[in-house]
Amino acid sequence: MNSLPSSLVAVFALALLAQAEPPAKPVAEPKNVTPEEAEKLIKSRKDLVILDVRTAEEFEAGHIKGAKNASFLDDDFDQKLKEVTGKPVLVHCASGGRSAKAVKQMLGKEFPELYHMNGGMKAWQDAGKEVEKSK
């Protein structure tokens, strides 16, 4: 019985691997969190992006320390999302409506972890959490 030389088998194997589809990018299912859970995430995860999807005016009036503002209502919202792609993200707005829509828009994109803070900034402030104001 004739067998192929091992080097030829290796070439065929590499050719097959090269044609295989690349592994899927991480796509997270969103997890709803309370302000208390959000605060724990913020303190324990230095790589976490806090994405505040309220307007710039709302953001300046008071926001979570370290948050990045990307208004869901702005035309460039999708472009701003690209800036945080590939990172774990905690999304919130004023009370939860816009952030829920933002999270839906983020589904299927490359976010390894996706968190939605229930109740938004209102719930954060009602829980007595720290708020930072723009200077």
C-alpha atoms as a PDB file:
ATOM      1  CA  MET A   1       0.000   0.000   0.000  1.00  0.00           C
ATOM      2  CA  ASN A   2       1.322   3.437  -0.971  1.00  0.00           C
ATOM      3  CA  SER A   3       1.040   6.273   1.530  1.00  0.00           C
ATOM      4  CA  LEU A   4       1.648   9.953   1.041  1.00  0.00           C
ATOM      5  CA  PRO A   5       4.846  11.363   2.475  1.00  0.00           C
ATOM      6  CA  SER A   6       4.206  13.122   5.777  1.00  0.00           C
ATOM      7  CA  SER A   7       5.361  16.478   4.390  1.00  0.00           C
ATOM      8  CA  LEU A   8       2.716  16.269   1.643  1.00  0.00           C
ATOM      9  CA  VAL A   9       0.040  15.422   4.212  1.00  0.00           C
ATOM     10  CA  ALA A  10       1.107  18.490   6.224  1.00  0.00           C
ATOM     11  CA  VAL A  11       0.785  20.708   3.140  1.00  0.00           C
ATOM     12  CA  PHE A  12      -2.753  19.411   2.482  1.00  0.00           C
ATOM     13  CA  ALA A  13      -3.714  19.947   6.133  1.00  0.00           C
ATOM     14  CA  LEU A  14      -2.417  23.524   6.085  1.00  0.00           C
ATOM     15  CA  ALA A  15      -4.280  24.215   2.836  1.00  0.00           C
ATOM     16  CA  LEU A  16      -7.532  22.989   4.413  1.00  0.00           C
ATOM     17  CA  LEU A  17      -6.971  25.090   7.525  1.00  0.00           C
ATOM     18  CA  ALA A  18      -6.310  28.180   5.416  1.00  0.00           C
ATOM     19  CA  GLN A  19      -9.746  27.736   3.796  1.00  0.00           C
ATOM     20  CA  ALA A  20     -11.535  27.334   7.125  1.00  0.00           C
ATOM     21  CA  GLU A  21     -13.513  30.294   8.408  1.00  0.00           C
ATOM     22  CA  PRO A  22     -11.835  32.334  11.120  1.00  0.00           C
ATOM     23  CA  PRO A  23     -13.143  31.761  14.638  1.00  0.00           C
ATOM     24  CA  ALA A  24     -16.200  33.816  15.523  1.00  0.00           C
ATOM     25  CA  LYS A  25     -15.599  37.099  17.329  1.00  0.00           C
ATOM     26  CA  PRO A  26     -16.903  37.291  20.882  1.00  0.00           C
ATOM     27  CA  VAL A  27     -20.508  38.445  20.966  1.00  0.00           C
ATOM     28  CA  ALA A  28     -22.030  38.871  24.393  1.00  0.00           C
ATOM     29  CA  GLU A  29     -25.602  38.585  25.525  1.00  0.00           C
ATOM     30  CA  PRO A  30     -26.435  41.724  27.514  1.00  0.00           C
ATOM     31  CA  LYS A  31     -26.758  41.389  31.265  1.00  0.00           C
ATOM     32  CA  ASN A  32     -29.004  43.745  33.231  1.00  0.00           C
ATOM     33  CA  VAL A  33     -27.373  45.024  36.410  1.00  0.00           C
ATOM     34  CA  THR A  34     -28.451  47.169  39.348  1.00  0.00           C
ATOM     35  CA  PRO A  35     -26.547  50.322  40.304  1.00  0.00           C
ATOM     36  CA  GLU A  36     -24.893  48.323  43.104  1.00  0.00           C
ATOM     37  CA  GLU A  37     -23.750  45.617  40.673  1.00  0.00           C
ATOM     38  CA  ALA A  38     -22.616  48.296  38.214  1.00  0.00           C
ATOM     39  CA  GLU A  39     -20.526  49.973  40.919  1.00  0.00           C
ATOM     40  CA  LYS A  40     -18.848  46.651  41.746  1.00  0.00           C
ATOM     41  CA  LEU A  41     -18.081  46.089  38.063  1.00  0.00           C
ATOM     42  CA  ILE A  42     -16.619  49.581  37.721  1.00  0.00           C
ATOM     43  CA  LYS A  43     -14.381  49.081  40.766  1.00  0.00           C
ATOM     44  CA  SER A  44     -13.209  45.592  39.795  1.00  0.00           C
ATOM     45  CA  ARG A  45     -12.856  45.913  36.008  1.00  0.00           C
ATOM     46  CA  LYS A  46     -10.285  48.486  34.935  1.00  0.00           C
ATOM     47  CA  ASP A  47     -10.937  47.604  31.256  1.00  0.00           C
ATOM     48  CA  LEU A  48     -14.690  48.282  31.530  1.00  0.00           C
ATOM     49  CA  VAL A  49     -16.026  51.143  29.376  1.00  0.00           C
ATOM     50  CA  ILE A  50     -18.874  53.064  31.017  1.00  0.00           C
ATOM     51  CA  LEU A  51     -20.945  54.269  28.079  1.00  0.00           C
ATOM     52  CA  ASP A  52     -23.361  57.073  28.925  1.00  0.00           C
ATOM     53  CA  VAL A  53     -25.786  57.378  25.994  1.00  0.00           C
ATOM     54  CA  ARG A  54     -27.497  60.578  27.195  1.00  0.00           C
ATOM     55  CA  THR A  55     -27.092  63.941  25.475  1.00  0.00           C
ATOM     56  CA  ALA A  56     -23.957  66.018  26.057  1.00  0.00           C
ATOM     57  CA  GLU A  57     -25.993  68.453  28.177  1.00  0.00           C
ATOM     58  CA  GLU A  58     -27.297  65.663  30.422  1.00  0.00           C
ATOM     59  CA  PHE A  59     -23.782  64.230  30.708  1.00  0.00           C
ATOM     60  CA  GLU A  60     -22.287  67.590  31.728  1.00  0.00           C
ATOM     61  CA  ALA A  61     -24.956  68.043  34.425  1.00  0.00           C
ATOM     62  CA  GLY A  62     -23.721  64.860  36.139  1.00  0.00           C
ATOM     63  CA  HIS A  63     -22.260  61.486  35.168  1.00  0.00           C
ATOM     64  CA  ILE A  64     -20.509  58.425  36.536  1.00  0.00           C
ATOM     65  CA  LYS A  65     -16.799  59.088  37.041  1.00  0.00           C
ATOM     66  CA  GLY A  66     -14.800  57.820  34.060  1.00  0.00           C
ATOM     67  CA  ALA A  67     -17.842  57.521  31.775  1.00  0.00           C
ATOM     68  CA  LYS A  68     -17.581  58.114  28.037  1.00  0.00           C
ATOM     69  CA  ASN A  69     -20.424  60.095  26.470  1.00  0.00           C
ATOM     70  CA  ALA A  70     -21.929  58.883  23.190  1.00  0.00           C
ATOM     71  CA  SER A  71     -25.452  60.214  22.762  1.00  0.00           C
ATOM     72  CA  PHE A  72     -27.783  57.595  21.331  1.00  0.00           C
ATOM     73  CA  LEU A  73     -29.628  60.428  19.577  1.00  0.00           C
ATOM     74  CA  ASP A  74     -26.570  61.659  17.645  1.00  0.00           C
ATOM     75  CA  ASP A  75     -26.039  60.697  14.011  1.00  0.00           C
ATOM     76  CA  ASP A  76     -22.501  59.492  14.793  1.00  0.00           C
ATOM     77  CA  PHE A  77     -23.577  57.027  17.503  1.00  0.00           C
ATOM     78  CA  ASP A  78     -22.551  54.004  15.395  1.00  0.00           C
ATOM     79  CA  GLN A  79     -19.137  55.569  14.798  1.00  0.00           C
ATOM     80  CA  LYS A  80     -18.671  56.160  18.537  1.00  0.00           C
ATOM     81  CA  LEU A  81     -19.571  52.507  19.176  1.00  0.00           C
ATOM     82  CA  LYS A  82     -16.681  51.459  16.940  1.00  0.00           C
ATOM     83  CA  GLU A  83     -14.316  53.248  19.347  1.00  0.00           C
ATOM     84  CA  VAL A  84     -15.276  50.838  22.162  1.00  0.00           C
ATOM     85  CA  THR A  85     -15.710  47.659  20.116  1.00  0.00           C
ATOM     86  CA  GLY A  86     -13.808  44.722  21.550  1.00  0.00           C
ATOM     87  CA  LYS A  87     -14.087  46.005  25.125  1.00  0.00           C
ATOM     88  CA  PRO A  88     -16.501  45.132  27.929  1.00  0.00           C
ATOM     89  CA  VAL A  89     -19.150  47.871  28.103  1.00  0.00           C
ATOM     90  CA  LEU A  90     -21.624  49.067  30.745  1.00  0.00           C
ATOM     91  CA  VAL A  91     -24.406  51.106  29.066  1.00  0.00           C
ATOM     92  CA  HIS A  92     -26.777  53.530  30.767  1.00  0.00           C
ATOM     93  CA  CYS A  93     -28.894  56.611  30.105  1.00  0.00           C
ATOM     94  CA  ALA A  94     -31.207  58.733  32.264  1.00  0.00           C
ATOM     95  CA  SER A  95     -33.775  56.081  33.178  1.00  0.00           C
ATOM     96  CA  GLY A  96     -33.201  53.048  30.939  1.00  0.00           C
ATOM     97  CA  GLY A  97     -35.133  53.707  27.721  1.00  0.00           C
ATOM     98  CA  ARG A  98     -32.402  54.973  25.406  1.00  0.00           C
ATOM     99  CA  SER A  99     -29.805  52.620  26.845  1.00  0.00           C
ATOM    100  CA  ALA A 100     -32.085  49.618  26.221  1.00  0.00           C
ATOM    101  CA  LYS A 101     -32.361  50.712  22.574  1.00  0.00           C
ATOM    102  CA  ALA A 102     -28.600  51.277  22.412  1.00  0.00           C
ATOM    103  CA  VAL A 103     -27.954  47.773  23.763  1.00  0.00           C
ATOM    104  CA  LYS A 104     -30.266  46.304  21.094  1.00  0.00           C
ATOM    105  CA  GLN A 105     -28.248  48.174  18.471  1.00  0.00           C
ATOM    106  CA  MET A 106     -25.026  46.776  19.976  1.00  0.00           C
ATOM    107  CA  LEU A 107     -26.209  43.148  19.810  1.00  0.00           C
ATOM    108  CA  GLY A 108     -24.273  41.042  17.338  1.00  0.00           C
ATOM    109  CA  LYS A 109     -21.311  43.401  17.432  1.00  0.00           C
ATOM    110  CA  GLU A 110     -17.941  42.565  18.926  1.00  0.00           C
ATOM    111  CA  PHE A 111     -18.398  43.205  22.641  1.00  0.00           C
ATOM    112  CA  PRO A 112     -16.974  40.461  24.873  1.00  0.00           C
ATOM    113  CA  GLU A 113     -19.227  41.613  27.742  1.00  0.00           C
ATOM    114  CA  LEU A 114     -22.251  43.877  27.592  1.00  0.00           C
ATOM    115  CA  TYR A 115     -24.020  45.242  30.670  1.00  0.00           C
ATOM    116  CA  HIS A 116     -27.129  47.422  30.897  1.00  0.00           C
ATOM    117  CA  MET A 117     -27.719  49.394  34.089  1.00  0.00           C
ATOM    118  CA  ASN A 118     -31.383  49.183  35.046  1.00  0.00           C
ATOM    119  CA  GLY A 119     -32.947  52.543  35.858  1.00  0.00           C
ATOM    120  CA  GLY A 120     -30.035  54.589  34.479  1.00  0.00           C
ATOM    121  CA  MET A 121     -28.641  57.678  36.208  1.00  0.00           C
ATOM    122  CA  LYS A 122     -31.879  58.164  38.124  1.00  0.00           C
ATOM    123  CA  ALA A 123     -31.448  54.777  39.820  1.00  0.00           C
ATOM    124  CA  TRP A 124     -27.700  55.474  40.298  1.00  0.00           C
ATOM    125  CA  GLN A 125     -28.439  58.761  42.079  1.00  0.00           C
ATOM    126  CA  ASP A 126     -31.383  57.299  44.045  1.00  0.00           C
ATOM    127  CA  ALA A 127     -28.951  54.657  45.349  1.00  0.00           C
ATOM    128  CA  GLY A 128     -26.688  57.446  46.615  1.00  0.00           C
ATOM    129  CA  LYS A 129     -23.845  56.695  44.193  1.00  0.00           C
ATOM    130  CA  GLU A 130     -21.175  59.267  43.359  1.00  0.00           C
ATOM    131  CA  VAL A 131     -21.844  61.669  40.478  1.00  0.00           C
ATOM    132  CA  GLU A 132     -19.205  63.766  38.759  1.00  0.00           C
ATOM    133  CA  LYS A 133     -19.993  67.065  37.033  1.00  0.00           C
ATOM    134  CA  SER A 134     -18.142  68.458  34.025  1.00  0.00           C
ATOM    135  CA  LYS A 135     -16.066  71.527  34.751  1.00  0.00           C
END
